[in-house]
Protein backbone atom coordinates (compact mmCIF):
# COMPACT_ATOMS: atom_id res chain seq x y z
CA MET A 1 87.19 -92.77 127.32
CA SER A 2 84.21 -95.45 126.20
CA ASN A 3 82.91 -97.92 128.48
CA LEU A 4 83.35 -101.46 127.95
CA ALA A 5 79.62 -102.05 128.42
CA ASP A 6 78.90 -99.51 125.71
CA GLU A 7 77.52 -101.24 122.71
CA SER A 8 75.38 -100.48 119.69
CA GLY A 9 72.18 -102.20 120.29
CA ALA A 10 70.60 -104.84 122.14
CA ALA A 11 71.87 -107.47 119.93
CA GLY A 12 75.31 -106.27 120.43
CA THR A 13 75.02 -106.24 124.25
CA SER A 14 73.32 -109.44 124.19
CA ARG A 15 76.34 -111.21 122.00
CA ARG A 16 79.17 -109.61 124.11
CA PHE A 17 77.53 -110.77 127.66
CA LEU A 18 77.21 -114.40 125.79
CA LEU A 19 80.94 -114.18 124.60
CA ARG A 20 82.41 -112.73 127.87
CA ALA A 21 80.56 -115.53 130.13
CA SER A 22 81.54 -117.97 127.83
CA ALA A 23 85.24 -116.59 128.13
CA ALA A 24 85.13 -116.52 131.60
CA ALA A 25 84.15 -119.98 132.10
CA ALA A 26 86.32 -121.17 129.89
CA GLY A 27 89.53 -119.40 131.43
CA THR A 28 88.52 -121.43 134.79
CA VAL A 29 88.97 -124.60 132.99
CA VAL A 30 92.00 -123.78 131.41
CA ALA A 31 93.76 -122.59 134.44
CA ALA A 32 92.57 -125.55 136.47
CA SER A 33 93.81 -128.04 134.25
CA ALA A 34 96.77 -127.17 131.83
CA VAL A 35 97.37 -130.52 130.17
CA ARG A 36 93.63 -131.05 128.74
CA PRO A 37 94.14 -129.92 125.02
CA ARG A 38 93.00 -126.88 123.63
CA MET A 39 90.59 -126.35 120.83
CA ALA A 40 92.27 -124.97 117.79
CA ALA A 41 90.16 -122.00 115.71
CA PRO A 42 87.29 -122.37 114.41
CA ALA A 43 87.33 -122.70 110.43
CA VAL A 44 84.15 -120.96 109.64
CA THR A 45 82.03 -121.90 106.33
CA GLY A 46 78.47 -119.73 106.46
CA THR A 47 77.29 -120.61 109.74
CA LEU A 48 78.69 -123.86 111.03
CA ALA A 49 82.11 -124.31 112.39
CA ALA A 50 84.81 -127.10 112.19
CA THR A 51 87.05 -127.60 115.18
CA ARG A 52 90.65 -129.44 115.59
CA VAL A 53 91.89 -130.56 118.39
CA LEU A 54 95.48 -130.20 119.15
CA THR A 55 97.82 -133.67 119.58
CA ALA A 56 98.82 -134.94 123.07
CA GLY A 57 101.77 -132.93 123.90
CA ALA A 58 101.33 -129.92 121.03
CA ARG A 59 101.53 -126.53 122.42
CA TYR A 60 98.74 -123.85 122.09
CA SER A 61 101.12 -121.69 120.04
CA ASP A 62 101.62 -124.37 117.64
CA GLN A 63 98.01 -123.59 115.86
CA LEU A 64 98.96 -120.04 115.59
CA PRO A 65 100.41 -118.52 112.31
CA ASP A 66 103.77 -117.30 112.68
CA VAL A 67 103.43 -114.64 110.00
CA GLU A 68 105.48 -111.78 109.58
CA CYS A 69 104.11 -108.60 111.54
CA VAL A 70 105.23 -104.78 111.77
CA THR A 71 105.72 -103.18 114.95
CA GLN A 72 104.82 -99.79 115.96
CA SER A 73 108.30 -98.59 115.41
CA GLY A 74 108.39 -100.30 111.92
CA ARG A 75 110.12 -103.72 113.24
CA VAL A 76 109.75 -106.54 110.99
CA VAL A 77 108.78 -109.49 113.50
CA ARG A 78 107.12 -113.14 113.57
CA LEU A 79 104.18 -113.63 115.49
CA VAL A 80 105.12 -117.12 117.16
CA SER A 81 108.86 -117.13 117.04
CA ASP A 82 109.63 -113.47 118.20
CA LEU A 83 106.74 -112.66 120.63
CA ILE A 84 105.22 -115.74 121.73
CA ARG A 85 107.56 -118.55 122.05
CA ASP A 86 108.77 -119.54 125.72
CA ARG A 87 107.67 -116.22 126.48
CA ILE A 88 104.63 -115.11 128.87
CA VAL A 89 102.18 -112.91 126.67
CA LEU A 90 98.91 -111.27 126.82
CA VAL A 91 97.51 -110.74 123.22
CA SER A 92 94.31 -108.69 122.23
CA PHE A 93 93.00 -107.03 119.46
CA MET A 94 91.93 -103.66 118.92
CA TYR A 95 92.02 -100.72 115.55
CA THR A 96 92.95 -97.08 115.87
CA GLN A 97 89.36 -95.93 114.76
CA CYS A 98 87.42 -97.86 117.04
CA ASN A 99 85.49 -95.90 119.56
CA GLY A 100 83.69 -98.74 121.34
CA THR A 101 85.65 -101.07 123.83
CA CYS A 102 89.25 -100.36 122.46
CA PRO A 103 90.22 -97.82 124.47
CA ALA A 104 89.13 -99.07 128.00
CA ALA A 105 90.52 -102.30 126.75
CA SER A 106 94.15 -100.86 125.92
CA GLY A 107 93.95 -98.81 129.13
CA LEU A 108 93.47 -102.30 131.36
CA PHE A 109 96.98 -103.33 129.23
CA GLN A 110 98.77 -100.20 130.17
CA LYS A 111 97.44 -100.59 134.05
CA LEU A 112 99.03 -104.21 133.87
CA ARG A 113 102.31 -103.51 132.75
CA ALA A 114 103.76 -102.79 135.94
CA PRO A 115 102.46 -105.52 138.22
CA LEU A 116 103.07 -108.10 135.32
CA ALA A 117 106.71 -106.86 135.30
CA ALA A 118 107.01 -106.80 138.82
CA GLU A 119 105.84 -110.66 139.13
CA PHE A 120 107.55 -112.07 135.82
CA GLY A 121 110.46 -109.62 134.76
CA ASP A 122 111.32 -109.30 131.06
CA ARG A 123 109.65 -112.46 130.46
CA VAL A 124 106.40 -111.38 130.16
CA SER A 125 105.10 -109.18 127.20
CA LEU A 126 101.80 -107.56 125.96
CA VAL A 127 100.82 -107.54 122.11
CA SER A 128 98.04 -105.68 120.57
CA VAL A 129 97.00 -106.62 117.24
CA THR A 130 95.11 -104.29 114.71
CA LEU A 131 91.69 -105.33 113.08
CA ASP A 132 92.52 -102.76 110.60
CA PRO A 133 95.65 -103.22 109.07
CA LEU A 134 94.74 -101.15 105.73
CA THR A 135 94.27 -97.88 107.97
CA ASP A 136 96.60 -98.68 110.95
CA THR A 137 100.19 -98.11 109.62
CA PRO A 138 103.02 -98.52 111.58
CA GLU A 139 102.78 -94.58 112.32
CA ARG A 140 99.60 -94.57 113.04
CA LEU A 141 99.81 -97.60 115.67
CA ARG A 142 102.46 -95.05 117.00
CA GLN A 143 100.44 -92.55 117.43
CA TYR A 144 97.51 -94.41 119.12
CA ALA A 145 100.33 -96.54 121.35
CA ALA A 146 101.68 -93.20 122.36
CA THR A 147 98.33 -92.57 124.31
CA PHE A 148 99.16 -95.19 126.56
CA ARG A 149 102.83 -94.72 126.94
CA ALA A 150 103.72 -97.19 124.50
CA GLN A 151 105.03 -95.39 121.17
CA SER A 152 108.11 -98.21 121.49
CA GLU A 153 107.58 -101.33 122.15
CA GLN A 154 110.19 -101.44 125.23
CA SER A 155 109.35 -98.60 127.34
CA SER A 156 111.55 -95.86 128.45
CA ALA A 157 110.52 -95.78 131.75
CA PRO A 158 111.86 -98.70 134.23
CA GLY A 159 109.44 -101.25 135.74
CA LEU A 160 106.88 -101.59 132.75
CA ALA A 161 106.51 -104.72 130.63
CA SER A 162 107.37 -104.54 126.98
CA TRP A 163 104.06 -103.63 124.50
CA THR A 164 103.86 -104.36 120.96
CA PHE A 165 101.26 -102.99 118.56
CA LEU A 166 101.14 -104.98 115.28
CA THR A 167 100.02 -104.49 111.63
CA GLY A 168 100.79 -106.33 108.41
CA ALA A 169 99.14 -107.88 105.68
CA VAL A 170 95.31 -108.48 105.38
CA GLU A 171 95.96 -112.10 105.20
CA GLY A 172 98.54 -112.41 107.81
CA VAL A 173 96.57 -110.34 110.41
CA GLU A 174 93.06 -112.21 109.87
CA SER A 175 95.12 -115.84 110.14
CA ILE A 176 95.97 -114.30 113.58
CA ARG A 177 92.53 -113.56 114.58
CA ARG A 178 91.11 -116.66 113.64
CA GLY A 179 94.15 -118.67 115.05
CA PHE A 180 93.24 -117.19 118.43
CA GLY A 181 89.63 -117.88 117.80
CA TYR A 182 88.26 -114.76 117.73
CA VAL A 183 85.65 -115.46 115.19
CA ASP A 184 82.05 -115.45 115.17
CA PRO A 185 79.54 -117.81 113.78
CA ASP A 186 77.68 -115.20 111.80
CA PRO A 187 79.84 -114.38 108.60
CA VAL A 188 78.57 -111.09 108.34
CA ARG A 189 79.19 -110.10 112.20
CA ASP A 190 82.30 -111.71 111.79
CA GLN A 191 83.50 -109.47 109.19
CA ASP A 192 82.18 -106.07 111.18
CA ARG A 193 85.33 -105.05 113.35
CA SER A 194 83.10 -102.94 115.56
CA GLN A 195 81.30 -106.12 116.54
CA HIS A 196 84.48 -107.51 118.18
CA ALA A 197 84.68 -108.58 121.57
CA ALA A 198 86.61 -107.32 124.50
CA LEU A 199 88.47 -110.01 125.39
CA PHE A 200 92.00 -110.67 125.61
CA THR A 201 94.12 -114.25 125.58
CA PHE A 202 97.09 -114.44 127.96
CA GLY A 203 99.17 -117.58 128.59
CA ASN A 204 102.72 -118.89 129.48
CA ASP A 205 104.21 -121.04 126.14
CA SER A 206 107.17 -122.48 128.13
CA THR A 207 104.10 -124.19 130.66
CA ASN A 208 101.19 -124.27 127.94
CA ARG A 209 98.85 -122.64 130.18
CA TRP A 210 96.42 -120.44 128.27
CA SER A 211 93.09 -118.65 128.94
CA THR A 212 91.06 -115.98 127.77
CA TYR A 213 89.49 -113.30 130.21
CA PRO A 214 86.56 -110.59 129.31
CA ALA A 215 88.56 -107.31 129.66
CA GLY A 216 85.58 -105.92 131.92
CA LEU A 217 86.47 -108.36 135.23
CA PRO A 218 86.96 -105.96 138.26
CA PHE A 219 91.04 -105.59 138.10
CA PRO A 220 92.05 -107.47 141.07
CA GLN A 221 90.33 -110.73 139.73
CA LEU A 222 91.80 -110.12 136.69
CA LEU A 223 95.55 -109.60 137.52
CA ALA A 224 94.98 -112.63 140.15
CA GLY A 225 93.93 -114.68 137.30
CA VAL A 226 96.65 -113.68 134.82
CA ILE A 227 99.31 -114.24 137.53
CA ARG A 228 97.63 -117.63 138.49
CA VAL A 229 97.64 -119.34 134.85
CA CYS A 230 100.88 -117.89 133.75
CA GLY A 231 102.79 -118.41 136.88
CA SER A 232 105.03 -121.56 137.74
CA SER A 233 105.83 -121.08 141.29
CA SER A 234 103.53 -122.31 144.29
CA ARG A 235 103.07 -118.63 145.61
CA GLN A 236 101.79 -117.57 141.60
CA ARG A 237 99.49 -120.32 141.42
CA TYR A 238 97.85 -120.61 144.84
CA GLY A 239 98.83 -117.39 146.76
CA ARG A 240 96.22 -115.30 145.36
CA LEU A 241 93.06 -117.89 146.12
CA PRO A 242 90.23 -116.41 147.60
CA VAL A 243 89.86 -116.76 151.80
CA PRO A 244 86.61 -118.49 152.84
CA GLU A 245 85.28 -116.29 155.58
CA ALA A 246 85.21 -117.35 159.07
């Protein structure tokens, strides 16, 4: 399994460090203030990015494209209507030929399935979107997913959150990536899928609380953050806060 920190060259390492640091800071802000409007995905032209702001009362998912996708089992679904609306969801980007951060990030999702199902039941699901839809057919995704015991969206083993791998038309997959804001301001690097950052976005569509974390965070900290952002009870939001030393 590749290490999350294993990047090609100093430039790649520096870039991922900045992206991870930014994501961690952004995650803290969103978790602390769910009513603050989220910035929509940057629309990149050259090296300049224009941003849009959601109107008051809008959901984060309103900025996401409700495009048709195909799952690892060949089922046709819509991104928002079928997988996100009124649900708790974790979303990552990967591709089956990735030999950098993808295997470790997918391993993280596998590790999260049981504790999140125990916390949220069948309201929570994981979604992994390929960055290489021309290569990653449903069959290829199913083979890749099988290494993480996710060859079917719904696990045959009890107590595991559902995990859907998605492919589809190139334009549709690209609109999903940009909808979630996974865009590099350098247009050349933006088109190099091997440079994608090891991040994942998660949230509760019903409460409109969302955040993005680096996949390399310590697991206890990462799990606590996901439960705090996605939870709705006092225990879920505040029961895992660090206790000051006496």
